[in-house]
Full PDB file with SEQRES, HELIX, SHEET, SSBOND, CRYST1, ORIGX, SCALE, CONECT and MASTER records, all heavy atoms in Angstrom:
SEQRES   1 A   30  GLU THR ALA VAL ARG VAL ALA SER VAL GLU ALA ASN SER          
SEQRES   2 A   30  PRO ALA ALA LEU GLY GLY VAL ARG GLU GLY ASP GLN ILE          
SEQRES   3 A   30  VAL ARG LEU GLY                                              
HELIX    1 AA1 PRO A   14  GLY A   18  1                                   5    
SHEET    1 AA1 2 VAL A   4  ARG A   5  0                                        
SHEET    2 AA1 2 GLN A  25  ILE A  26 -1                                        
CRYST1    1.000    1.000    1.000  90.00  90.00  90.00 P 1           1          
ORIGX1      1.000000  0.000000  0.000000        0.00000                         
ORIGX2      0.000000  1.000000  0.000000        0.00000                         
ORIGX3      0.000000  0.000000  1.000000        0.00000                         
SCALE1      1.000000  0.000000  0.000000        0.00000                         
SCALE2      0.000000  1.000000  0.000000        0.00000                         
SCALE3      0.000000  0.000000  1.000000        0.00000                         
ATOM      1  N   GLU A   1      74.647 160.852 127.644  1.00  0.00           N  
ATOM      2  CA  GLU A   1      75.938 161.535 127.639  1.00  0.00           C  
ATOM      3  C   GLU A   1      75.885 162.842 126.850  1.00  0.00           C  
ATOM      4  O   GLU A   1      76.907 163.498 126.681  1.00  0.00           O  
ATOM      5  CB  GLU A   1      77.024 160.616 127.069  1.00  0.00           C  
ATOM      6  CG  GLU A   1      77.246 159.372 127.918  1.00  0.00           C  
ATOM      7  CD  GLU A   1      78.387 158.518 127.410  1.00  0.00           C  
ATOM      8  OE1 GLU A   1      78.934 158.852 126.332  1.00  0.00           O  
ATOM      9  OE2 GLU A   1      78.723 157.529 128.073  1.00  0.00           O  
ATOM     10  N   THR A   2      74.708 163.191 126.353  1.00  0.00           N  
ATOM     11  CA  THR A   2      74.528 164.453 125.625  1.00  0.00           C  
ATOM     12  C   THR A   2      73.379 165.236 126.245  1.00  0.00           C  
ATOM     13  O   THR A   2      72.568 164.693 127.001  1.00  0.00           O  
ATOM     14  CB  THR A   2      74.234 164.194 124.138  1.00  0.00           C  
ATOM     15  OG1 THR A   2      73.095 163.332 124.028  1.00  0.00           O  
ATOM     16  CG2 THR A   2      75.427 163.539 123.447  1.00  0.00           C  
ATOM     17  N   ALA A   3      73.330 166.520 125.912  1.00  0.00           N  
ATOM     18  CA  ALA A   3      72.296 167.400 126.458  1.00  0.00           C  
ATOM     19  C   ALA A   3      72.056 168.531 125.464  1.00  0.00           C  
ATOM     20  O   ALA A   3      72.677 168.583 124.399  1.00  0.00           O  
ATOM     21  CB  ALA A   3      72.729 167.958 127.817  1.00  0.00           C  
ATOM     22  N   VAL A   4      71.141 169.439 125.820  1.00  0.00           N  
ATOM     23  CA  VAL A   4      70.885 170.630 125.011  1.00  0.00           C  
ATOM     24  C   VAL A   4      71.517 171.823 125.718  1.00  0.00           C  
ATOM     25  O   VAL A   4      71.144 172.153 126.851  1.00  0.00           O  
ATOM     26  CB  VAL A   4      69.377 170.870 124.815  1.00  0.00           C  
ATOM     27  CG1 VAL A   4      69.135 172.199 124.105  1.00  0.00           C  
ATOM     28  CG2 VAL A   4      68.761 169.731 124.019  1.00  0.00           C  
ATOM     29  N   ARG A   5      72.466 172.451 125.050  1.00  0.00           N  
ATOM     30  CA  ARG A   5      73.074 173.666 125.607  1.00  0.00           C  
ATOM     31  C   ARG A   5      72.257 174.871 125.174  1.00  0.00           C  
ATOM     32  O   ARG A   5      71.970 175.043 123.986  1.00  0.00           O  
ATOM     33  CB  ARG A   5      74.516 173.835 125.145  1.00  0.00           C  
ATOM     34  CG  ARG A   5      75.226 175.016 125.801  1.00  0.00           C  
ATOM     35  CD  ARG A   5      76.648 175.183 125.291  1.00  0.00           C  
ATOM     36  NE  ARG A   5      77.364 176.197 126.025  1.00  0.00           N  
ATOM     37  CZ  ARG A   5      77.261 177.516 125.791  1.00  0.00           C  
ATOM     38  NH1 ARG A   5      76.468 177.952 124.819  1.00  0.00           N  
ATOM     39  NH2 ARG A   5      77.933 178.391 126.515  1.00  0.00           N  
ATOM     40  N   VAL A   6      71.874 175.714 126.112  1.00  0.00           N  
ATOM     41  CA  VAL A   6      71.059 176.891 125.829  1.00  0.00           C  
ATOM     42  C   VAL A   6      71.949 177.962 125.207  1.00  0.00           C  
ATOM     43  O   VAL A   6      72.874 178.484 125.852  1.00  0.00           O  
ATOM     44  CB  VAL A   6      70.387 177.417 127.109  1.00  0.00           C  
ATOM     45  CG1 VAL A   6      69.578 178.677 126.804  1.00  0.00           C  
ATOM     46  CG2 VAL A   6      69.496 176.344 127.727  1.00  0.00           C  
ATOM     47  N   ALA A   7      71.668 178.292 123.944  1.00  0.00           N  
ATOM     48  CA  ALA A   7      72.449 179.315 123.241  1.00  0.00           C  
ATOM     49  C   ALA A   7      71.914 180.714 123.518  1.00  0.00           C  
ATOM     50  O   ALA A   7      72.676 181.678 123.560  1.00  0.00           O  
ATOM     51  CB  ALA A   7      72.446 179.041 121.738  1.00  0.00           C  
ATOM     52  N   SER A   8      70.599 180.848 123.699  1.00  0.00           N  
ATOM     53  CA  SER A   8      70.004 182.144 124.015  1.00  0.00           C  
ATOM     54  C   SER A   8      68.647 181.925 124.649  1.00  0.00           C  
ATOM     55  O   SER A   8      68.013 180.878 124.446  1.00  0.00           O  
ATOM     56  CB  SER A   8      69.864 183.011 122.753  1.00  0.00           C  
ATOM     57  OG  SER A   8      68.987 182.416 121.817  1.00  0.00           O  
ATOM     58  N   VAL A   9      68.211 182.904 125.434  1.00  0.00           N  
ATOM     59  CA  VAL A   9      66.919 182.851 126.109  1.00  0.00           C  
ATOM     60  C   VAL A   9      66.150 184.111 125.747  1.00  0.00           C  
ATOM     61  O   VAL A   9      66.651 185.229 125.909  1.00  0.00           O  
ATOM     62  CB  VAL A   9      67.080 182.765 127.639  1.00  0.00           C  
ATOM     63  CG1 VAL A   9      65.713 182.679 128.321  1.00  0.00           C  
ATOM     64  CG2 VAL A   9      67.949 181.570 128.023  1.00  0.00           C  
ATOM     65  N   GLU A  10      64.940 183.949 125.218  1.00  0.00           N  
ATOM     66  CA  GLU A  10      64.136 185.099 124.836  1.00  0.00           C  
ATOM     67  C   GLU A  10      63.596 185.804 126.072  1.00  0.00           C  
ATOM     68  O   GLU A  10      63.192 185.167 127.049  1.00  0.00           O  
ATOM     69  CB  GLU A  10      62.981 184.653 123.932  1.00  0.00           C  
ATOM     70  CG  GLU A  10      63.433 184.077 122.609  1.00  0.00           C  
ATOM     71  CD  GLU A  10      62.264 183.728 121.699  1.00  0.00           C  
ATOM     72  OE1 GLU A  10      61.177 184.296 121.903  1.00  0.00           O  
ATOM     73  OE2 GLU A  10      62.447 182.895 120.804  1.00  0.00           O  
ATOM     74  N   ALA A  11      63.599 187.125 126.016  1.00  0.00           N  
ATOM     75  CA  ALA A  11      63.136 187.936 127.141  1.00  0.00           C  
ATOM     76  C   ALA A  11      61.669 187.636 127.442  1.00  0.00           C  
ATOM     77  O   ALA A  11      60.853 187.460 126.522  1.00  0.00           O  
ATOM     78  CB  ALA A  11      63.317 189.418 126.833  1.00  0.00           C  
ATOM     79  N   ASN A  12      61.340 187.562 128.717  1.00  0.00           N  
ATOM     80  CA  ASN A  12      59.960 187.351 129.194  1.00  0.00           C  
ATOM     81  C   ASN A  12      59.353 186.035 128.735  1.00  0.00           C  
ATOM     82  O   ASN A  12      58.135 185.873 128.756  1.00  0.00           O  
ATOM     83  CB  ASN A  12      59.048 188.512 128.771  1.00  0.00           C  
ATOM     84  CG  ASN A  12      59.508 189.844 129.336  1.00  0.00           C  
ATOM     85  OD1 ASN A  12      59.872 189.916 130.511  1.00  0.00           O  
ATOM     86  ND2 ASN A  12      59.521 190.869 128.504  1.00  0.00           N  
ATOM     87  N   SER A  13      60.182 185.104 128.302  1.00  0.00           N  
ATOM     88  CA  SER A  13      59.689 183.787 127.899  1.00  0.00           C  
ATOM     89  C   SER A  13      59.536 182.915 129.140  1.00  0.00           C  
ATOM     90  O   SER A  13      60.036 183.248 130.231  1.00  0.00           O  
ATOM     91  CB  SER A  13      60.674 183.138 126.932  1.00  0.00           C  
ATOM     92  OG  SER A  13      61.910 182.870 127.590  1.00  0.00           O  
ATOM     93  N   PRO A  14      58.835 181.774 129.012  1.00  0.00           N  
ATOM     94  CA  PRO A  14      58.728 180.865 130.163  1.00  0.00           C  
ATOM     95  C   PRO A  14      60.088 180.454 130.715  1.00  0.00           C  
ATOM     96  O   PRO A  14      60.248 180.343 131.939  1.00  0.00           O  
ATOM     97  CB  PRO A  14      57.972 179.668 129.584  1.00  0.00           C  
ATOM     98  CG  PRO A  14      57.130 180.257 128.491  1.00  0.00           C  
ATOM     99  CD  PRO A  14      57.982 181.331 127.885  1.00  0.00           C  
ATOM    100  N   ALA A  15      61.065 180.226 129.839  1.00  0.00           N  
ATOM    101  CA  ALA A  15      62.394 179.848 130.315  1.00  0.00           C  
ATOM    102  C   ALA A  15      63.039 180.981 131.105  1.00  0.00           C  
ATOM    103  O   ALA A  15      63.635 180.760 132.167  1.00  0.00           O  
ATOM    104  CB  ALA A  15      63.278 179.449 129.141  1.00  0.00           C  
ATOM    105  N   ALA A  16      62.937 182.210 130.586  1.00  0.00           N  
ATOM    106  CA  ALA A  16      63.508 183.359 131.280  1.00  0.00           C  
ATOM    107  C   ALA A  16      62.837 183.573 132.631  1.00  0.00           C  
ATOM    108  O   ALA A  16      63.506 183.816 133.645  1.00  0.00           O  
ATOM    109  CB  ALA A  16      63.380 184.604 130.416  1.00  0.00           C  
ATOM    110  N   LEU A  17      61.517 183.475 132.674  1.00  0.00           N  
ATOM    111  CA  LEU A  17      60.785 183.676 133.928  1.00  0.00           C  
ATOM    112  C   LEU A  17      61.089 182.565 134.929  1.00  0.00           C  
ATOM    113  O   LEU A  17      61.006 182.785 136.151  1.00  0.00           O  
ATOM    114  CB  LEU A  17      59.280 183.739 133.651  1.00  0.00           C  
ATOM    115  CG  LEU A  17      58.810 184.922 132.782  1.00  0.00           C  
ATOM    116  CD1 LEU A  17      57.321 184.800 132.468  1.00  0.00           C  
ATOM    117  CD2 LEU A  17      59.107 186.256 133.477  1.00  0.00           C  
ATOM    118  N   GLY A  18      61.454 181.396 134.421  1.00  0.00           N  
ATOM    119  CA  GLY A  18      61.785 180.284 135.306  1.00  0.00           C  
ATOM    120  C   GLY A  18      63.225 180.274 135.765  1.00  0.00           C  
ATOM    121  O   GLY A  18      63.600 179.431 136.584  1.00  0.00           O  
ATOM    122  N   GLY A  19      64.053 181.185 135.218  1.00  0.00           N  
ATOM    123  CA  GLY A  19      65.434 181.285 135.669  1.00  0.00           C  
ATOM    124  C   GLY A  19      66.453 180.583 134.809  1.00  0.00           C  
ATOM    125  O   GLY A  19      67.628 180.485 135.181  1.00  0.00           O  
ATOM    126  N   VAL A  20      66.069 180.078 133.629  1.00  0.00           N  
ATOM    127  CA  VAL A  20      67.023 179.445 132.722  1.00  0.00           C  
ATOM    128  C   VAL A  20      67.957 180.506 132.143  1.00  0.00           C  
ATOM    129  O   VAL A  20      67.526 181.607 131.796  1.00  0.00           O  
ATOM    130  CB  VAL A  20      66.295 178.694 131.585  1.00  0.00           C  
ATOM    131  CG1 VAL A  20      67.296 178.079 130.610  1.00  0.00           C  
ATOM    132  CG2 VAL A  20      65.395 177.614 132.153  1.00  0.00           C  
ATOM    133  N   ARG A  21      69.237 180.179 132.035  1.00  0.00           N  
ATOM    134  CA  ARG A  21      70.238 181.130 131.564  1.00  0.00           C  
ATOM    135  C   ARG A  21      70.993 180.572 130.349  1.00  0.00           C  
ATOM    136  O   ARG A  21      71.068 179.350 130.158  1.00  0.00           O  
ATOM    137  CB  ARG A  21      71.254 181.441 132.663  1.00  0.00           C  
ATOM    138  CG  ARG A  21      70.678 182.045 133.933  1.00  0.00           C  
ATOM    139  CD  ARG A  21      71.790 182.226 134.947  1.00  0.00           C  
ATOM    140  NE  ARG A  21      71.285 182.656 136.248  1.00  0.00           N  
ATOM    141  CZ  ARG A  21      72.040 182.748 137.342  1.00  0.00           C  
ATOM    142  NH1 ARG A  21      73.335 182.412 137.267  1.00  0.00           N  
ATOM    143  NH2 ARG A  21      71.506 183.134 138.478  1.00  0.00           N  
ATOM    144  N   GLU A  22      71.557 181.489 129.589  1.00  0.00           N  
ATOM    145  CA  GLU A  22      72.425 181.089 128.487  1.00  0.00           C  
ATOM    146  C   GLU A  22      73.595 180.282 129.032  1.00  0.00           C  
ATOM    147  O   GLU A  22      74.204 180.646 130.046  1.00  0.00           O  
ATOM    148  CB  GLU A  22      72.929 182.322 127.748  1.00  0.00           C  
ATOM    149  CG  GLU A  22      73.818 182.025 126.558  1.00  0.00           C  
ATOM    150  CD  GLU A  22      74.279 183.283 125.848  1.00  0.00           C  
ATOM    151  OE1 GLU A  22      73.553 184.303 125.927  1.00  0.00           O  
ATOM    152  OE2 GLU A  22      75.353 183.249 125.217  1.00  0.00           O  
ATOM    153  N   GLY A  23      73.922 179.178 128.375  1.00  0.00           N  
ATOM    154  CA  GLY A  23      75.007 178.305 128.817  1.00  0.00           C  
ATOM    155  C   GLY A  23      74.547 177.126 129.642  1.00  0.00           C  
ATOM    156  O   GLY A  23      75.303 176.163 129.826  1.00  0.00           O  
ATOM    157  N   ASP A  24      73.316 177.169 130.163  1.00  0.00           N  
ATOM    158  CA  ASP A  24      72.776 176.013 130.881  1.00  0.00           C  
ATOM    159  C   ASP A  24      72.671 174.811 129.933  1.00  0.00           C  
ATOM    160  O   ASP A  24      72.441 174.973 128.735  1.00  0.00           O  
ATOM    161  CB  ASP A  24      71.387 176.323 131.442  1.00  0.00           C  
ATOM    162  CG  ASP A  24      71.427 177.288 132.618  1.00  0.00           C  
ATOM    163  OD1 ASP A  24      72.524 177.497 133.175  1.00  0.00           O  
ATOM    164  OD2 ASP A  24      70.365 177.839 132.980  1.00  0.00           O  
ATOM    165  N   GLN A  25      72.813 173.620 130.500  1.00  0.00           N  
ATOM    166  CA  GLN A  25      72.727 172.396 129.708  1.00  0.00           C  
ATOM    167  C   GLN A  25      71.554 171.560 130.229  1.00  0.00           C  
ATOM    168  O   GLN A  25      71.600 171.043 131.339  1.00  0.00           O  
ATOM    169  CB  GLN A  25      74.040 171.617 129.787  1.00  0.00           C  
ATOM    170  CG  GLN A  25      75.210 172.432 129.229  1.00  0.00           C  
ATOM    171  CD  GLN A  25      76.545 171.721 129.398  1.00  0.00           C  
ATOM    172  OE1 GLN A  25      77.006 171.059 128.476  1.00  0.00           O  
ATOM    173  NE2 GLN A  25      77.156 171.855 130.553  1.00  0.00           N  
ATOM    174  N   ILE A  26      70.514 171.466 129.410  1.00  0.00           N  
ATOM    175  CA  ILE A  26      69.271 170.809 129.824  1.00  0.00           C  
ATOM    176  C   ILE A  26      69.421 169.295 129.681  1.00  0.00           C  
ATOM    177  O   ILE A  26      69.772 168.792 128.616  1.00  0.00           O  
ATOM    178  CB  ILE A  26      68.090 171.309 128.978  1.00  0.00           C  
ATOM    179  CG1 ILE A  26      67.920 172.829 129.161  1.00  0.00           C  
ATOM    180  CG2 ILE A  26      66.806 170.578 129.352  1.00  0.00           C  
ATOM    181  CD1 ILE A  26      66.928 173.443 128.201  1.00  0.00           C  
ATOM    182  N   VAL A  27      69.130 168.570 130.786  1.00  0.00           N  
ATOM    183  CA  VAL A  27      69.273 167.114 130.779  1.00  0.00           C  
ATOM    184  C   VAL A  27      67.947 166.393 131.010  1.00  0.00           C  
ATOM    185  O   VAL A  27      67.831 165.204 130.701  1.00  0.00           O  
ATOM    186  CB  VAL A  27      70.314 166.656 131.824  1.00  0.00           C  
ATOM    187  CG1 VAL A  27      71.700 167.168 131.461  1.00  0.00           C  
ATOM    188  CG2 VAL A  27      69.932 167.104 133.236  1.00  0.00           C  
ATOM    189  N   ARG A  28      66.940 167.096 131.565  1.00  0.00           N  
ATOM    190  CA  ARG A  28      65.628 166.489 131.760  1.00  0.00           C  
ATOM    191  C   ARG A  28      64.534 167.530 131.619  1.00  0.00           C  
ATOM    192  O   ARG A  28      64.727 168.696 131.982  1.00  0.00           O  
ATOM    193  CB  ARG A  28      65.495 165.835 133.149  1.00  0.00           C  
ATOM    194  CG  ARG A  28      66.215 164.522 133.336  1.00  0.00           C  
ATOM    195  CD  ARG A  28      65.810 163.871 134.651  1.00  0.00           C  
ATOM    196  NE  ARG A  28      66.556 162.628 134.896  1.00  0.00           N  
ATOM    197  CZ  ARG A  28      67.713 162.574 135.535  1.00  0.00           C  
ATOM    198  NH1 ARG A  28      68.250 163.699 135.997  1.00  0.00           N  
ATOM    199  NH2 ARG A  28      68.320 161.418 135.713  1.00  0.00           N  
ATOM    200  N   LEU A  29      63.397 167.111 131.123  1.00  0.00           N  
ATOM    201  CA  LEU A  29      62.175 167.905 131.135  1.00  0.00           C  
ATOM    202  C   LEU A  29      61.128 167.061 131.839  1.00  0.00           C  
ATOM    203  O   LEU A  29      60.719 166.019 131.320  1.00  0.00           O  
ATOM    204  CB  LEU A  29      61.719 168.261 129.724  1.00  0.00           C  
ATOM    205  CG  LEU A  29      60.515 169.191 129.632  1.00  0.00           C  
ATOM    206  CD1 LEU A  29      60.877 170.593 130.116  1.00  0.00           C  
ATOM    207  CD2 LEU A  29      59.981 169.265 128.211  1.00  0.00           C  
ATOM    208  N   GLY A  30      60.718 167.479 133.038  1.00  0.00           N  
ATOM    209  CA  GLY A  30      59.917 166.605 133.862  1.00  0.00           C  
ATOM    210  C   GLY A  30      60.750 165.396 134.242  1.00  0.00           C  
ATOM    211  O   GLY A  30      61.882 165.529 134.707  1.00  0.00           O  
TER     212      GLY A  30                                                      
MASTER        0    0    0    1    2    0    0    6  211    1    0    3          
END                                                                             
């Protein structure tokens, strides 16, 4: 019932290159 809310994404990072945005809520990794 909880997740990780993305507060910021570093430029040119793996998350940024993969399309992750500020405000996204991560519920699974793999």
